[in-house]
Amino acid sequence: MKYLCLLFFVASSNALYAAGIDWKLFTGRGHQLVSDTDTIIRKRSVSVGVSYGSDALFFGRTGPIKYPFLTGDAIYNSKSGVFVYASVLKVLGYAPVDEVDIGGGYFYKFSKAFSGAASYTRFIFNKNANVIKSASSNDINLKNSYDWKYLKSTVILDYLYGKSNDFFITVSHSKYFESSWSVFDDQDYLSFNPSFNFIMGTQNFVQRYEIDHNYQHVISSTIVKHIDPGAARRNREFNMLNYSFKVPVAYNRPHYTLEASWRYSMPVNVEGTLENRRESFFNFTFYYLFY
């Protein structure tokens, strides 16, 4: 069977699309990471990778300006399903290192069609980090997927806490398929995994980010003094936050994968003074698997 490299697991999608690690790479996912072309590998392995992202996206929200970034990631998978991982994030043009993530978890598989992962991630930020994700420092994540053959459905639960506490539910429907032909020789192939995703949750992290940065880059200083920090109380409400489409295309060989992906994000119910709009995001990832 052809092996696809597990890197980190996709937040994500989401949580770690902001860091270039796509849920993700297990995901993942954020920071759960499996590549978007994911397969659970039941053998001892180590994966390392590097990613570029055009902007930091965190649970359907972006900062006031674009933050293109690079990440370096590593994950160790045991035969039992236990994994540990680490990630380093650099926002281009800013501090040498903006963020370091460490975590671990467990992969499980109830049947050929039903699998998932539970994990914990600790986010450690440079004190001058500007990415919107910096309002949270811990993530407890539970991901479950069911493969209907014609469609794969995934539900991800995230509880983030730190300077702000938030809860998210991410639902994704995807269809993975591979090319029936090789590109250069009989050891390679292309894979595709288009998906439709939506995110529901609270967004206290938005208000916390604004307060921590004194509303800089957001509105003029003459207006800041008249703002009531409690005015964004609707951030505590559980609402639909974002819809998105994602199209990843990967070139695969036995030990490594090159992947390019495009995501179109449509934020809704945006609260606070940050202005979010529909936007396209691009990610490029290389990861290598040792086993």
C-alpha atoms as a PDB file:
ATOM      1  CA  MET A   1       0.000   0.000   0.000  1.00  0.00           C
ATOM      2  CA  LYS A   2       1.291   3.447  -0.821  1.00  0.00           C
ATOM      3  CA  TYR A   3       2.290   5.424   2.283  1.00  0.00           C
ATOM      4  CA  LEU A   4       1.423   9.061   2.776  1.00  0.00           C
ATOM      5  CA  CYS A   5       3.503  11.015   5.250  1.00  0.00           C
ATOM      6  CA  LEU A   6       1.971  11.963   8.588  1.00  0.00           C
ATOM      7  CA  LEU A   7       3.352  15.301   9.612  1.00  0.00           C
ATOM      8  CA  PHE A   8       1.233  17.240  11.990  1.00  0.00           C
ATOM      9  CA  PHE A   9      -2.364  16.848  12.498  1.00  0.00           C
ATOM     10  CA  VAL A  10      -4.981  20.047  10.582  1.00  0.00           C
ATOM     11  CA  ALA A  11      -6.220  22.137  12.988  1.00  0.00           C
ATOM     12  CA  SER A  12      -6.255  22.809  10.001  1.00  0.00           C
ATOM     13  CA  SER A  13      -7.103  22.734   9.801  1.00  0.00           C
ATOM     14  CA  ASN A  14      -7.707  24.957  11.005  1.00  0.00           C
ATOM     15  CA  ALA A  15      -5.963  25.789  14.190  1.00  0.00           C
ATOM     16  CA  LEU A  16      -2.806  25.266  12.401  1.00  0.00           C
ATOM     17  CA  TYR A  17      -3.445  26.475   9.025  1.00  0.00           C
ATOM     18  CA  ALA A  18      -2.280  29.574  10.795  1.00  0.00           C
ATOM     19  CA  ALA A  19       0.983  27.901  11.420  1.00  0.00           C
ATOM     20  CA  GLY A  20       1.216  26.199   8.146  1.00  0.00           C
ATOM     21  CA  ILE A  21       0.777  22.867   9.716  1.00  0.00           C
ATOM     22  CA  ASP A  22      -2.385  21.551   8.469  1.00  0.00           C
ATOM     23  CA  TRP A  23      -4.517  19.385  10.478  1.00  0.00           C
ATOM     24  CA  LYS A  24      -2.825  20.548  10.127  1.00  0.00           C
ATOM     25  CA  LEU A  25      -0.427  16.575   8.609  1.00  0.00           C
ATOM     26  CA  PHE A  26      -1.935  13.960  10.734  1.00  0.00           C
ATOM     27  CA  THR A  27      -4.723  16.795   9.985  1.00  0.00           C
ATOM     28  CA  GLY A  28      -4.249  18.845  11.462  1.00  0.00           C
ATOM     29  CA  ARG A  29      -5.143  19.669  10.748  1.00  0.00           C
ATOM     30  CA  GLY A  30      -3.816  24.196  13.417  1.00  0.00           C
ATOM     31  CA  HIS A  31      -2.101  21.778  15.024  1.00  0.00           C
ATOM     32  CA  GLN A  32      -2.882  18.308  14.427  1.00  0.00           C
ATOM     33  CA  LEU A  33      -1.282  17.267  11.410  1.00  0.00           C
ATOM     34  CA  VAL A  34      -1.707  14.817   8.797  1.00  0.00           C
ATOM     35  CA  SER A  35      -1.381  15.895   5.273  1.00  0.00           C
ATOM     36  CA  ASP A  36      -4.684  16.557   3.558  1.00  0.00           C
ATOM     37  CA  THR A  37      -3.971  13.258   1.877  1.00  0.00           C
ATOM     38  CA  ASP A  38      -3.865  11.339   5.136  1.00  0.00           C
ATOM     39  CA  THR A  39      -3.500   7.662   5.972  1.00  0.00           C
ATOM     40  CA  ILE A  40      -2.794   6.265   9.435  1.00  0.00           C
ATOM     41  CA  ILE A  41       0.522   4.404   9.425  1.00  0.00           C
ATOM     42  CA  ARG A  42       0.604   1.555  11.960  1.00  0.00           C
ATOM     43  CA  LYS A  43       4.373   1.342  12.268  1.00  0.00           C
ATOM     44  CA  ARG A  44       7.074   3.286  14.065  1.00  0.00           C
ATOM     45  CA  SER A  45       7.968   6.352  12.015  1.00  0.00           C
ATOM     46  CA  VAL A  46       9.351   9.869  12.127  1.00  0.00           C
ATOM     47  CA  SER A  47       8.113  12.631   9.831  1.00  0.00           C
ATOM     48  CA  VAL A  48       9.752  16.013   9.239  1.00  0.00           C
ATOM     49  CA  GLY A  49       8.501  18.805   7.056  1.00  0.00           C
ATOM     50  CA  VAL A  50       8.599  22.438   6.076  1.00  0.00           C
ATOM     51  CA  SER A  51       5.660  24.589   4.921  1.00  0.00           C
ATOM     52  CA  TYR A  52       4.972  28.045   3.489  1.00  0.00           C
ATOM     53  CA  GLY A  53       1.636  29.810   3.901  1.00  0.00           C
ATOM     54  CA  SER A  54       0.438  33.039   2.292  1.00  0.00           C
ATOM     55  CA  ASP A  55      -1.358  34.250   5.449  1.00  0.00           C
ATOM     56  CA  ALA A  56      -2.083  33.044   8.987  1.00  0.00           C
ATOM     57  CA  LEU A  57      -5.665  31.771   9.266  1.00  0.00           C
ATOM     58  CA  PHE A  58      -6.935  30.780  12.714  1.00  0.00           C
ATOM     59  CA  PHE A  59     -10.386  29.166  12.996  1.00  0.00           C
ATOM     60  CA  GLY A  60     -11.697  31.256  10.133  1.00  0.00           C
ATOM     61  CA  ARG A  61     -10.190  34.559  11.287  1.00  0.00           C
ATOM     62  CA  THR A  62      -7.152  36.554  10.154  1.00  0.00           C
ATOM     63  CA  GLY A  63      -5.197  39.446  11.632  1.00  0.00           C
ATOM     64  CA  PRO A  64      -5.418  43.075  10.431  1.00  0.00           C
ATOM     65  CA  ILE A  65      -2.551  42.608   7.956  1.00  0.00           C
ATOM     66  CA  LYS A  66      -1.244  39.589   6.053  1.00  0.00           C
ATOM     67  CA  TYR A  67       1.273  37.384   7.849  1.00  0.00           C
ATOM     68  CA  PRO A  68       2.974  34.984   5.395  1.00  0.00           C
ATOM     69  CA  PHE A  69       4.873  32.336   7.326  1.00  0.00           C
ATOM     70  CA  LEU A  70       7.239  29.378   7.293  1.00  0.00           C
ATOM     71  CA  THR A  71       7.019  26.375   9.614  1.00  0.00           C
ATOM     72  CA  GLY A  72       9.259  23.441  10.438  1.00  0.00           C
ATOM     73  CA  ASP A  73       7.575  20.353  11.877  1.00  0.00           C
ATOM     74  CA  ALA A  74       8.504  16.943  13.256  1.00  0.00           C
ATOM     75  CA  ILE A  75       6.388  14.071  14.571  1.00  0.00           C
ATOM     76  CA  TYR A  76       7.192  10.684  16.056  1.00  0.00           C
ATOM     77  CA  ASN A  77       4.574   7.937  15.633  1.00  0.00           C
ATOM     78  CA  SER A  78       4.713   4.734  17.674  1.00  0.00           C
ATOM     79  CA  LYS A  79       3.236   1.404  16.640  1.00  0.00           C
ATOM     80  CA  SER A  80       0.651   1.684  19.406  1.00  0.00           C
ATOM     81  CA  GLY A  81      -0.769   4.916  17.975  1.00  0.00           C
ATOM     82  CA  VAL A  82       0.839   7.308  20.477  1.00  0.00           C
ATOM     83  CA  PHE A  83       2.542  10.303  18.864  1.00  0.00           C
ATOM     84  CA  VAL A  84       4.516  13.372  19.942  1.00  0.00           C
ATOM     85  CA  TYR A  85       5.347  16.396  17.840  1.00  0.00           C
ATOM     86  CA  ALA A  86       6.936  19.828  17.716  1.00  0.00           C
ATOM     87  CA  SER A  87       6.625  22.791  15.388  1.00  0.00           C
ATOM     88  CA  VAL A  88       8.432  26.107  14.883  1.00  0.00           C
ATOM     89  CA  LEU A  89       6.732  29.078  13.192  1.00  0.00           C
ATOM     90  CA  LYS A  90       8.360  32.164  11.683  1.00  0.00           C
ATOM     91  CA  VAL A  91       6.253  35.006  10.310  1.00  0.00           C
ATOM     92  CA  LEU A  92       8.241  36.448   7.417  1.00  0.00           C
ATOM     93  CA  GLY A  93       9.691  39.865   8.193  1.00  0.00           C
ATOM     94  CA  TYR A  94       9.321  39.603  11.977  1.00  0.00           C
ATOM     95  CA  ALA A  95      11.087  37.857  14.887  1.00  0.00           C
ATOM     96  CA  PRO A  96      13.466  34.947  14.165  1.00  0.00           C
ATOM     97  CA  VAL A  97      10.959  32.614  15.861  1.00  0.00           C
ATOM     98  CA  ASP A  98       7.368  33.710  16.538  1.00  0.00           C
ATOM     99  CA  GLU A  99       5.955  30.483  17.911  1.00  0.00           C
ATOM    100  CA  VAL A 100       6.961  27.025  19.145  1.00  0.00           C
ATOM    101  CA  ASP A 101       4.353  24.274  19.560  1.00  0.00           C
ATOM    102  CA  ILE A 102       4.770  20.980  21.369  1.00  0.00           C
ATOM    103  CA  GLY A 103       2.213  18.267  21.962  1.00  0.00           C
ATOM    104  CA  GLY A 104       1.184  14.668  21.815  1.00  0.00           C
ATOM    105  CA  GLY A 105      -1.770  12.376  21.507  1.00  0.00           C
ATOM    106  CA  TYR A 106      -3.155   9.050  20.399  1.00  0.00           C
ATOM    107  CA  PHE A 107      -4.433   7.732  17.072  1.00  0.00           C
ATOM    108  CA  TYR A 108      -7.220   5.168  17.214  1.00  0.00           C
ATOM    109  CA  LYS A 109      -9.117   3.155  14.653  1.00  0.00           C
ATOM    110  CA  PHE A 110     -12.433   1.471  15.496  1.00  0.00           C
ATOM    111  CA  SER A 111     -12.928   0.015  12.031  1.00  0.00           C
ATOM    112  CA  LYS A 112     -11.661   0.339   8.471  1.00  0.00           C
ATOM    113  CA  ALA A 113     -14.016   3.296   7.991  1.00  0.00           C
ATOM    114  CA  PHE A 114     -13.976   4.961  11.434  1.00  0.00           C
ATOM    115  CA  SER A 115     -10.780   6.488  12.849  1.00  0.00           C
ATOM    116  CA  GLY A 116      -9.684   9.446  14.922  1.00  0.00           C
ATOM    117  CA  ALA A 117      -7.157  11.108  17.200  1.00  0.00           C
ATOM    118  CA  ALA A 118      -7.095  12.833  20.587  1.00  0.00           C
ATOM    119  CA  SER A 119      -4.329  15.310  21.369  1.00  0.00           C
ATOM    120  CA  TYR A 120      -3.059  18.203  23.453  1.00  0.00           C
ATOM    121  CA  THR A 121      -0.937  21.081  22.106  1.00  0.00           C
ATOM    122  CA  ARG A 122       0.924  23.805  23.965  1.00  0.00           C
ATOM    123  CA  PHE A 123       1.563  27.053  22.032  1.00  0.00           C
ATOM    124  CA  ILE A 124       4.567  29.133  23.136  1.00  0.00           C
ATOM    125  CA  PHE A 125       4.725  32.611  21.575  1.00  0.00           C
ATOM    126  CA  ASN A 126       7.395  35.255  21.242  1.00  0.00           C
ATOM    127  CA  LYS A 127       6.249  38.219  23.360  1.00  0.00           C
ATOM    128  CA  ASN A 128       6.070  40.325  20.186  1.00  0.00           C
ATOM    129  CA  ALA A 129       4.089  37.779  18.155  1.00  0.00           C
ATOM    130  CA  ASN A 130       1.340  39.458  16.088  1.00  0.00           C
ATOM    131  CA  VAL A 131      -0.585  36.453  14.736  1.00  0.00           C
ATOM    132  CA  ILE A 132      -4.183  36.395  15.961  1.00  0.00           C
ATOM    133  CA  LYS A 133      -3.664  32.927  17.391  1.00  0.00           C
ATOM    134  CA  SER A 134      -1.430  34.397  20.126  1.00  0.00           C
ATOM    135  CA  ALA A 135      -4.455  34.964  22.406  1.00  0.00           C
ATOM    136  CA  SER A 136      -4.561  31.210  23.135  1.00  0.00           C
ATOM    137  CA  SER A 137      -1.834  28.978  24.562  1.00  0.00           C
ATOM    138  CA  ASN A 138      -3.414  25.505  24.925  1.00  0.00           C
ATOM    139  CA  ASP A 139      -5.534  23.290  22.698  1.00  0.00           C
ATOM    140  CA  ILE A 140      -7.344  20.065  23.574  1.00  0.00           C
ATOM    141  CA  ASN A 141      -8.424  18.395  20.347  1.00  0.00           C
ATOM    142  CA  LEU A 142     -10.604  15.442  19.395  1.00  0.00           C
ATOM    143  CA  LYS A 143     -10.919  14.421  15.749  1.00  0.00           C
ATOM    144  CA  ASN A 144     -13.162  11.679  14.340  1.00  0.00           C
ATOM    145  CA  SER A 145     -13.524  10.653  10.697  1.00  0.00           C
ATOM    146  CA  TYR A 146     -15.846   8.265   8.897  1.00  0.00           C
ATOM    147  CA  ASP A 147     -15.198   7.128   5.340  1.00  0.00           C
ATOM    148  CA  TRP A 148     -18.437   6.545   3.418  1.00  0.00           C
ATOM    149  CA  LYS A 149     -16.367   5.397   0.387  1.00  0.00           C
ATOM    150  CA  TYR A 150     -17.813   8.121  -1.812  1.00  0.00           C
ATOM    151  CA  LEU A 151     -17.177  10.819   0.785  1.00  0.00           C
ATOM    152  CA  LYS A 152     -15.188  11.186   4.007  1.00  0.00           C
ATOM    153  CA  SER A 153     -16.789  13.137   6.864  1.00  0.00           C
ATOM    154  CA  THR A 154     -14.698  14.558   9.702  1.00  0.00           C
ATOM    155  CA  VAL A 155     -15.759  16.299  12.915  1.00  0.00           C
ATOM    156  CA  ILE A 156     -13.112  18.090  15.000  1.00  0.00           C
ATOM    157  CA  LEU A 157     -13.713  19.445  18.506  1.00  0.00           C
ATOM    158  CA  ASP A 158     -11.269  22.019  19.893  1.00  0.00           C
ATOM    159  CA  TYR A 159     -11.169  23.604  23.339  1.00  0.00           C
ATOM    160  CA  LEU A 160      -8.612  26.415  23.498  1.00  0.00           C
ATOM    161  CA  TYR A 161      -7.683  28.159  26.716  1.00  0.00           C
ATOM    162  CA  GLY A 162      -5.138  30.656  27.971  1.00  0.00           C
ATOM    163  CA  LYS A 163      -5.733  34.393  27.987  1.00  0.00           C
ATOM    164  CA  SER A 164      -9.041  33.609  26.286  1.00  0.00           C
ATOM    165  CA  ASN A 165     -11.203  30.486  26.290  1.00  0.00           C
ATOM    166  CA  ASP A 166     -13.000  29.259  23.175  1.00  0.00           C
ATOM    167  CA  PHE A 167     -14.717  26.140  21.882  1.00  0.00           C
ATOM    168  CA  PHE A 168     -14.926  25.155  18.192  1.00  0.00           C
ATOM    169  CA  ILE A 169     -16.557  22.490  16.066  1.00  0.00           C
ATOM    170  CA  THR A 170     -15.135  21.986  12.581  1.00  0.00           C
ATOM    171  CA  VAL A 171     -16.954  19.809  10.056  1.00  0.00           C
ATOM    172  CA  SER A 172     -15.315  18.711   6.808  1.00  0.00           C
ATOM    173  CA  HIS A 173     -16.514  16.633   3.873  1.00  0.00           C
ATOM    174  CA  SER A 174     -13.790  15.498   1.483  1.00  0.00           C
ATOM    175  CA  LYS A 175     -13.082  13.052  -1.310  1.00  0.00           C
ATOM    176  CA  TYR A 176      -9.593  11.566  -1.636  1.00  0.00           C
ATOM    177  CA  PHE A 177      -8.409   9.975  -4.861  1.00  0.00           C
ATOM    178  CA  GLU A 178      -5.119   9.113  -6.559  1.00  0.00           C
ATOM    179  CA  SER A 179      -3.961   9.085 -10.142  1.00  0.00           C
ATOM    180  CA  SER A 180      -4.027   5.686 -11.826  1.00  0.00           C
ATOM    181  CA  TRP A 181      -0.843   6.597 -13.680  1.00  0.00           C
ATOM    182  CA  SER A 182       2.705   7.511 -12.675  1.00  0.00           C
ATOM    183  CA  VAL A 183       4.443  10.790 -13.376  1.00  0.00           C
ATOM    184  CA  PHE A 184       8.103   9.771 -13.790  1.00  0.00           C
ATOM    185  CA  ASP A 185       8.286   6.091 -12.809  1.00  0.00           C
ATOM    186  CA  ASP A 186       6.255   3.378 -11.087  1.00  0.00           C
ATOM    187  CA  GLN A 187       7.227   4.739  -7.631  1.00  0.00           C
ATOM    188  CA  ASP A 188       5.268   8.009  -7.795  1.00  0.00           C
ATOM    189  CA  TYR A 189       1.681   9.213  -8.136  1.00  0.00           C
ATOM    190  CA  LEU A 190      -0.515  12.281  -7.677  1.00  0.00           C
ATOM    191  CA  SER A 191      -3.204  12.594  -5.031  1.00  0.00           C
ATOM    192  CA  PHE A 192      -6.122  14.982  -4.627  1.00  0.00           C
ATOM    193  CA  ASN A 193      -8.365  15.667  -1.651  1.00  0.00           C
ATOM    194  CA  PRO A 194     -10.862  18.513  -2.305  1.00  0.00           C
ATOM    195  CA  SER A 195     -13.016  19.425   0.686  1.00  0.00           C
ATOM    196  CA  PHE A 196     -15.820  21.671   1.906  1.00  0.00           C
ATOM    197  CA  ASN A 197     -15.489  22.846   5.515  1.00  0.00           C
ATOM    198  CA  PHE A 198     -17.358  24.941   8.036  1.00  0.00           C
ATOM    199  CA  ILE A 199     -16.444  26.127  11.530  1.00  0.00           C
ATOM    200  CA  MET A 200     -18.755  26.931  14.445  1.00  0.00           C
ATOM    201  CA  GLY A 201     -17.632  28.336  17.774  1.00  0.00           C
ATOM    202  CA  THR A 202     -17.011  31.270  20.070  1.00  0.00           C
ATOM    203  CA  GLN A 203     -14.520  34.024  19.272  1.00  0.00           C
ATOM    204  CA  ASN A 204     -13.300  35.515  22.533  1.00  0.00           C
ATOM    205  CA  PHE A 205      -9.774  35.306  21.105  1.00  0.00           C
ATOM    206  CA  VAL A 206     -10.593  38.159  18.705  1.00  0.00           C
ATOM    207  CA  GLN A 207     -11.360  40.645  21.481  1.00  0.00           C
ATOM    208  CA  ARG A 208      -8.363  39.429  23.525  1.00  0.00           C
ATOM    209  CA  TYR A 209      -6.095  39.980  20.516  1.00  0.00           C
ATOM    210  CA  GLU A 210      -7.402  43.534  20.047  1.00  0.00           C
ATOM    211  CA  ILE A 211      -6.873  44.428  23.706  1.00  0.00           C
ATOM    212  CA  ASP A 212      -3.365  42.912  23.820  1.00  0.00           C
ATOM    213  CA  HIS A 213      -2.330  44.960  20.786  1.00  0.00           C
ATOM    214  CA  ASN A 214      -4.051  48.192  21.907  1.00  0.00           C
ATOM    215  CA  TYR A 215      -6.152  48.105  18.755  1.00  0.00           C
ATOM    216  CA  GLN A 216      -3.055  48.962  16.691  1.00  0.00           C
ATOM    217  CA  HIS A 217      -3.378  48.379  12.915  1.00  0.00           C
ATOM    218  CA  VAL A 218      -7.146  48.277  13.444  1.00  0.00           C
ATOM    219  CA  ILE A 219      -8.589  51.748  14.060  1.00  0.00           C
ATOM    220  CA  SER A 220      -7.319  55.257  14.770  1.00  0.00           C
ATOM    221  CA  SER A 221      -6.038  56.074  18.247  1.00  0.00           C
ATOM    222  CA  THR A 222      -8.642  58.841  18.665  1.00  0.00           C
ATOM    223  CA  ILE A 223     -11.405  56.235  18.645  1.00  0.00           C
ATOM    224  CA  VAL A 224      -9.697  53.693  20.906  1.00  0.00           C
ATOM    225  CA  LYS A 225     -10.270  55.703  24.113  1.00  0.00           C
ATOM    226  CA  HIS A 226     -14.034  55.628  23.565  1.00  0.00           C
ATOM    227  CA  ILE A 227     -14.225  51.850  23.078  1.00  0.00           C
ATOM    228  CA  ASP A 228     -15.812  49.736  25.791  1.00  0.00           C
ATOM    229  CA  PRO A 229     -13.808  46.452  26.001  1.00  0.00           C
ATOM    230  CA  GLY A 230     -17.022  44.680  27.006  1.00  0.00           C
ATOM    231  CA  ALA A 231     -18.893  45.805  23.912  1.00  0.00           C
ATOM    232  CA  ALA A 232     -17.954  42.635  22.019  1.00  0.00           C
ATOM    233  CA  ARG A 233     -19.879  40.386  24.434  1.00  0.00           C
ATOM    234  CA  ARG A 234     -21.365  38.572  21.459  1.00  0.00           C
ATOM    235  CA  ASN A 235     -17.910  37.007  21.036  1.00  0.00           C
ATOM    236  CA  ARG A 236     -18.999  34.621  23.788  1.00  0.00           C
ATOM    237  CA  GLU A 237     -21.913  33.349  21.699  1.00  0.00           C
ATOM    238  CA  PHE A 238     -21.597  30.072  19.798  1.00  0.00           C
ATOM    239  CA  ASN A 239     -22.080  30.942  16.111  1.00  0.00           C
ATOM    240  CA  MET A 240     -21.138  29.919  12.612  1.00  0.00           C
ATOM    241  CA  LEU A 241     -17.708  31.445  11.956  1.00  0.00           C
ATOM    242  CA  ASN A 242     -16.488  30.377   8.550  1.00  0.00           C
ATOM    243  CA  TYR A 243     -17.140  28.414   5.360  1.00  0.00           C
ATOM    244  CA  SER A 244     -14.286  27.337   3.111  1.00  0.00           C
ATOM    245  CA  PHE A 245     -13.331  25.228   0.116  1.00  0.00           C
ATOM    246  CA  LYS A 246      -9.908  23.623  -0.094  1.00  0.00           C
ATOM    247  CA  VAL A 247      -8.168  21.918  -3.005  1.00  0.00           C
ATOM    248  CA  PRO A 248      -4.826  20.201  -2.242  1.00  0.00           C
ATOM    249  CA  VAL A 249      -2.756  18.496  -4.927  1.00  0.00           C
ATOM    250  CA  ALA A 250       0.203  16.330  -3.894  1.00  0.00           C
ATOM    251  CA  TYR A 251       3.083  14.620  -5.648  1.00  0.00           C
ATOM    252  CA  ASN A 252       3.953  11.438  -3.711  1.00  0.00           C
ATOM    253  CA  ARG A 253       6.902   9.062  -3.581  1.00  0.00           C
ATOM    254  CA  PRO A 254       7.491   6.231  -1.052  1.00  0.00           C
ATOM    255  CA  HIS A 255       9.218   8.486   1.486  1.00  0.00           C
ATOM    256  CA  TYR A 256       8.230  12.057   0.682  1.00  0.00           C
ATOM    257  CA  THR A 257       5.398  14.276  -0.494  1.00  0.00           C
ATOM    258  CA  LEU A 258       5.235  17.702  -2.128  1.00  0.00           C
ATOM    259  CA  GLU A 259       1.847  19.358  -1.706  1.00  0.00           C
ATOM    260  CA  ALA A 260       0.284  22.604  -2.926  1.00  0.00           C
ATOM    261  CA  SER A 261      -3.135  23.695  -1.711  1.00  0.00           C
ATOM    262  CA  TRP A 262      -5.590  26.525  -2.342  1.00  0.00           C
ATOM    263  CA  ARG A 263      -8.272  27.520   0.166  1.00  0.00           C
ATOM    264  CA  TYR A 264     -11.084  30.029  -0.317  1.00  0.00           C
ATOM    265  CA  SER A 265     -12.314  31.313   3.040  1.00  0.00           C
ATOM    266  CA  MET A 266     -15.678  33.005   3.694  1.00  0.00           C
ATOM    267  CA  PRO A 267     -15.890  34.424   7.266  1.00  0.00           C
ATOM    268  CA  VAL A 268     -19.331  35.134   8.758  1.00  0.00           C
ATOM    269  CA  ASN A 269     -20.575  36.698  12.027  1.00  0.00           C
ATOM    270  CA  VAL A 270     -17.353  38.687  12.434  1.00  0.00           C
ATOM    271  CA  GLU A 271     -17.326  40.492  15.799  1.00  0.00           C
ATOM    272  CA  GLY A 272     -15.057  43.148  17.284  1.00  0.00           C
ATOM    273  CA  THR A 273     -13.152  45.782  15.335  1.00  0.00           C
ATOM    274  CA  LEU A 274     -11.116  43.404  13.166  1.00  0.00           C
ATOM    275  CA  GLU A 275     -12.273  43.428   9.565  1.00  0.00           C
ATOM    276  CA  ASN A 276     -12.308  39.984   7.952  1.00  0.00           C
ATOM    277  CA  ARG A 277     -13.262  39.405   4.342  1.00  0.00           C
ATOM    278  CA  ARG A 278     -13.383  36.609   1.808  1.00  0.00           C
ATOM    279  CA  GLU A 279      -9.841  35.623   0.931  1.00  0.00           C
ATOM    280  CA  SER A 280      -7.766  33.030  -0.926  1.00  0.00           C
ATOM    281  CA  PHE A 281      -4.902  31.254   0.850  1.00  0.00           C
ATOM    282  CA  PHE A 282      -2.026  29.236  -0.596  1.00  0.00           C
ATOM    283  CA  ASN A 283       0.107  26.634   1.160  1.00  0.00           C
ATOM    284  CA  PHE A 284       3.158  24.710  -0.056  1.00  0.00           C
ATOM    285  CA  THR A 285       4.479  21.773   1.961  1.00  0.00           C
ATOM    286  CA  PHE A 286       7.317  19.273   1.754  1.00  0.00           C
ATOM    287  CA  TYR A 287       7.550  16.408   4.217  1.00  0.00           C
ATOM    288  CA  TYR A 288       9.690  13.334   4.501  1.00  0.00           C
ATOM    289  CA  LEU A 289       8.895  10.058   6.239  1.00  0.00           C
ATOM    290  CA  PHE A 290      11.433   7.788   7.938  1.00  0.00           C
ATOM    291  CA  TYR A 291      10.266   4.270   8.859  1.00  0.00           C
END
